[in-house]
Amino acid sequence: MTDSLSNSAQRVQKALSAHGLDYCVVEMTATTRTAKDAATAIGCSVNQIAKSLVFRTQHSARPILVIASGVNRVNEQQIGKILTEPIEKPDADYVLQSTGFAIGGVPPLGHSTAIETLIDADLMKLEVIWAAAGTPNAVFRLSPQDLQKLTNGRVVQIT
């Protein structure tokens, strides 16, 4: 871990280290807030970006993390069927409260509370993916298999 990382990026690096993984958080000079921005800054394809999207179930109001390939749009009705409860997009305060991270930098791990996680099946077809690391310009490289292990996520078709 590098002390030069921002506090939020350091939290992600600590979470990675706690899982015994050697992945390194990198803070870019360019923004990685959107999948397209991240792919441009990293020099990879947009489908390799594992974007973390937080939803809220409509009846029980619990947070759900959907980690989607950067090229895919989440079909909210499909996710609702998988969860047997409709979902909705929450506001930025709910995302921050549920994860401890602001929209645009939500990582797949290191959240302030445990969050049920669904992983886009399309990500599992790739060798290398990139995920947000706590800020709108921090990322880390990992394998889809490690993403599933880190999050205990369920692989589903999100489109």
Protein backbone atom coordinates (compact mmCIF):
# COMPACT_ATOMS: atom_id res chain seq x y z
CA MET A 1 0.00 0.00 0.00
CA THR A 2 1.22 3.47 -0.81
CA ASP A 3 0.69 6.29 1.67
CA SER A 4 0.27 8.62 -1.30
CA LEU A 5 -3.14 7.09 -2.04
CA SER A 6 -6.20 9.05 -0.97
CA ASN A 7 -8.01 7.80 2.14
CA SER A 8 -10.76 6.05 0.16
CA ALA A 9 -8.26 4.36 -2.18
CA GLN A 10 -6.21 3.27 0.84
CA ARG A 11 -9.33 1.61 2.30
CA VAL A 12 -9.72 -0.41 -0.89
CA GLN A 13 -6.02 -1.33 -0.91
CA LYS A 14 -6.29 -2.50 2.71
CA ALA A 15 -9.36 -4.60 1.84
CA LEU A 16 -7.47 -6.23 -1.04
CA SER A 17 -4.48 -6.93 1.20
CA ALA A 18 -6.75 -8.37 3.90
CA HIS A 19 -7.92 -10.94 1.33
CA GLY A 20 -4.28 -11.88 0.68
CA LEU A 21 -4.24 -10.48 -2.85
CA ASP A 22 -1.36 -8.62 -4.45
CA TYR A 23 -3.53 -6.33 -6.56
CA CYS A 24 -2.50 -2.67 -6.41
CA VAL A 25 -4.77 0.34 -6.42
CA VAL A 26 -3.64 3.00 -8.86
CA GLU A 27 -4.82 6.59 -8.83
CA MET A 28 -4.90 8.03 -12.34
CA THR A 29 -4.46 11.66 -13.30
CA ALA A 30 -7.50 11.34 -15.57
CA THR A 31 -11.01 10.62 -14.33
CA THR A 32 -12.28 7.04 -14.27
CA ARG A 33 -15.80 8.05 -13.20
CA THR A 34 -17.52 6.45 -16.22
CA ALA A 35 -16.69 3.16 -17.93
CA LYS A 36 -15.62 5.01 -21.08
CA ASP A 37 -13.42 7.43 -19.09
CA ALA A 38 -11.85 4.52 -17.20
CA ALA A 39 -11.11 2.54 -20.37
CA THR A 40 -9.51 5.59 -21.97
CA ALA A 41 -7.38 6.34 -18.90
CA ILE A 42 -6.30 2.70 -18.48
CA GLY A 43 -5.89 1.85 -22.15
CA CYS A 44 -8.26 -1.13 -22.16
CA SER A 45 -11.59 -1.87 -23.80
CA VAL A 46 -14.81 -0.62 -22.21
CA ASN A 47 -16.08 -4.18 -21.71
CA GLN A 48 -13.14 -4.79 -19.31
CA ILE A 49 -14.42 -2.14 -16.91
CA ALA A 50 -16.32 -3.68 -13.99
CA LYS A 51 -18.68 -0.85 -13.09
CA SER A 52 -20.23 -0.99 -9.63
CA LEU A 53 -23.85 0.12 -9.54
CA VAL A 54 -25.83 0.31 -6.32
CA PHE A 55 -29.56 -0.29 -6.36
CA ARG A 56 -32.16 -0.45 -3.59
CA THR A 57 -34.86 -3.07 -3.32
CA GLN A 58 -38.27 -1.42 -3.37
CA HIS A 59 -39.93 -3.33 -0.53
CA SER A 60 -37.14 -4.14 1.91
CA ALA A 61 -34.95 -1.09 1.02
CA ARG A 62 -31.76 -3.16 1.11
CA PRO A 63 -28.75 -2.24 -1.03
CA ILE A 64 -27.82 -4.44 -3.98
CA LEU A 65 -24.50 -4.10 -5.78
CA VAL A 66 -24.53 -4.99 -9.47
CA ILE A 67 -21.09 -5.24 -11.05
CA ALA A 68 -21.59 -4.89 -14.78
CA SER A 69 -19.36 -4.93 -17.82
CA GLY A 70 -18.78 -1.35 -18.94
CA VAL A 71 -20.58 -1.94 -22.24
CA ASN A 72 -23.72 -3.40 -20.67
CA ARG A 73 -26.78 -1.65 -19.37
CA VAL A 74 -28.43 -3.26 -16.35
CA ASN A 75 -31.94 -4.55 -17.04
CA GLU A 76 -33.61 -3.58 -13.77
CA GLN A 77 -36.64 -5.80 -14.43
CA GLN A 78 -34.32 -8.79 -14.94
CA ILE A 79 -32.51 -8.05 -11.67
CA GLY A 80 -35.87 -7.69 -9.90
CA LYS A 81 -36.87 -11.15 -11.13
CA ILE A 82 -33.58 -12.63 -9.92
CA LEU A 83 -34.06 -11.04 -6.48
CA THR A 84 -37.83 -11.68 -6.46
CA GLU A 85 -38.25 -8.02 -5.56
CA PRO A 86 -38.24 -4.92 -7.78
CA ILE A 87 -35.23 -2.60 -7.56
CA GLU A 88 -34.81 1.14 -8.00
CA LYS A 89 -31.98 3.60 -8.39
CA PRO A 90 -31.22 5.26 -5.06
CA ASP A 91 -29.89 8.77 -4.53
CA ALA A 92 -26.23 9.57 -3.92
CA ASP A 93 -26.71 9.81 -0.14
CA TYR A 94 -28.08 6.26 0.01
CA VAL A 95 -25.10 4.96 -2.01
CA LEU A 96 -22.63 6.73 0.28
CA GLN A 97 -24.45 5.53 3.41
CA SER A 98 -24.69 1.93 2.16
CA THR A 99 -21.14 1.55 0.86
CA GLY A 100 -19.03 4.27 2.46
CA PHE A 101 -18.07 5.45 -1.04
CA ALA A 102 -19.41 8.14 -3.38
CA ILE A 103 -20.95 7.41 -6.78
CA GLY A 104 -18.23 7.28 -9.43
CA GLY A 105 -15.77 5.47 -7.21
CA VAL A 106 -17.74 2.63 -5.59
CA PRO A 107 -15.45 -0.40 -5.43
CA PRO A 108 -16.58 -4.03 -5.39
CA LEU A 109 -15.24 -4.52 -1.82
CA GLY A 110 -14.41 -2.63 1.36
CA HIS A 111 -17.95 -1.41 1.96
CA SER A 112 -19.13 -0.16 5.33
CA THR A 113 -21.78 -2.94 5.43
CA ALA A 114 -22.15 -6.30 3.68
CA ILE A 115 -23.97 -5.93 0.38
CA GLU A 116 -25.54 -8.65 -1.74
CA THR A 117 -23.66 -8.63 -5.02
CA LEU A 118 -24.64 -9.72 -8.52
CA ILE A 119 -21.91 -10.02 -11.17
CA ASP A 120 -22.51 -9.67 -14.89
CA ALA A 121 -21.90 -13.04 -16.57
CA ASP A 122 -20.19 -11.21 -19.45
CA LEU A 123 -17.31 -10.21 -17.14
CA MET A 124 -16.55 -13.87 -16.47
CA LYS A 125 -15.59 -14.36 -20.15
CA LEU A 126 -12.60 -12.01 -19.79
CA GLU A 127 -9.07 -12.64 -18.53
CA VAL A 128 -8.53 -9.22 -16.97
CA ILE A 129 -10.96 -6.61 -15.70
CA TRP A 130 -10.60 -3.24 -13.96
CA ALA A 131 -12.70 -2.04 -11.03
CA ALA A 132 -13.17 1.26 -9.22
CA ALA A 133 -11.08 1.70 -6.09
CA GLY A 134 -12.85 4.24 -3.92
CA THR A 135 -12.48 7.51 -5.84
CA PRO A 136 -13.45 8.80 -9.31
CA ASN A 137 -9.84 8.32 -10.46
CA ALA A 138 -8.70 5.14 -8.65
CA VAL A 139 -8.81 1.64 -10.14
CA PHE A 140 -7.31 -1.80 -9.73
CA ARG A 141 -6.78 -4.71 -12.10
CA LEU A 142 -8.03 -8.21 -11.23
CA SER A 143 -9.40 -11.44 -12.66
CA PRO A 144 -13.15 -12.04 -12.86
CA GLN A 145 -12.70 -15.17 -10.74
CA ASP A 146 -11.08 -13.12 -7.97
CA LEU A 147 -13.90 -10.57 -8.26
CA GLN A 148 -16.38 -13.34 -7.55
CA LYS A 149 -14.34 -14.60 -4.58
CA LEU A 150 -13.84 -11.10 -3.13
CA THR A 151 -17.51 -10.21 -3.29
CA ASN A 152 -19.06 -13.63 -2.81
CA GLY A 153 -21.11 -12.44 -5.77
CA ARG A 154 -23.64 -14.41 -7.73
CA VAL A 155 -22.97 -14.51 -11.49
CA VAL A 156 -26.12 -13.64 -13.41
CA GLN A 157 -27.27 -12.37 -16.81
CA ILE A 158 -27.91 -8.66 -16.21
CA THR A 159 -29.01 -7.64 -19.70
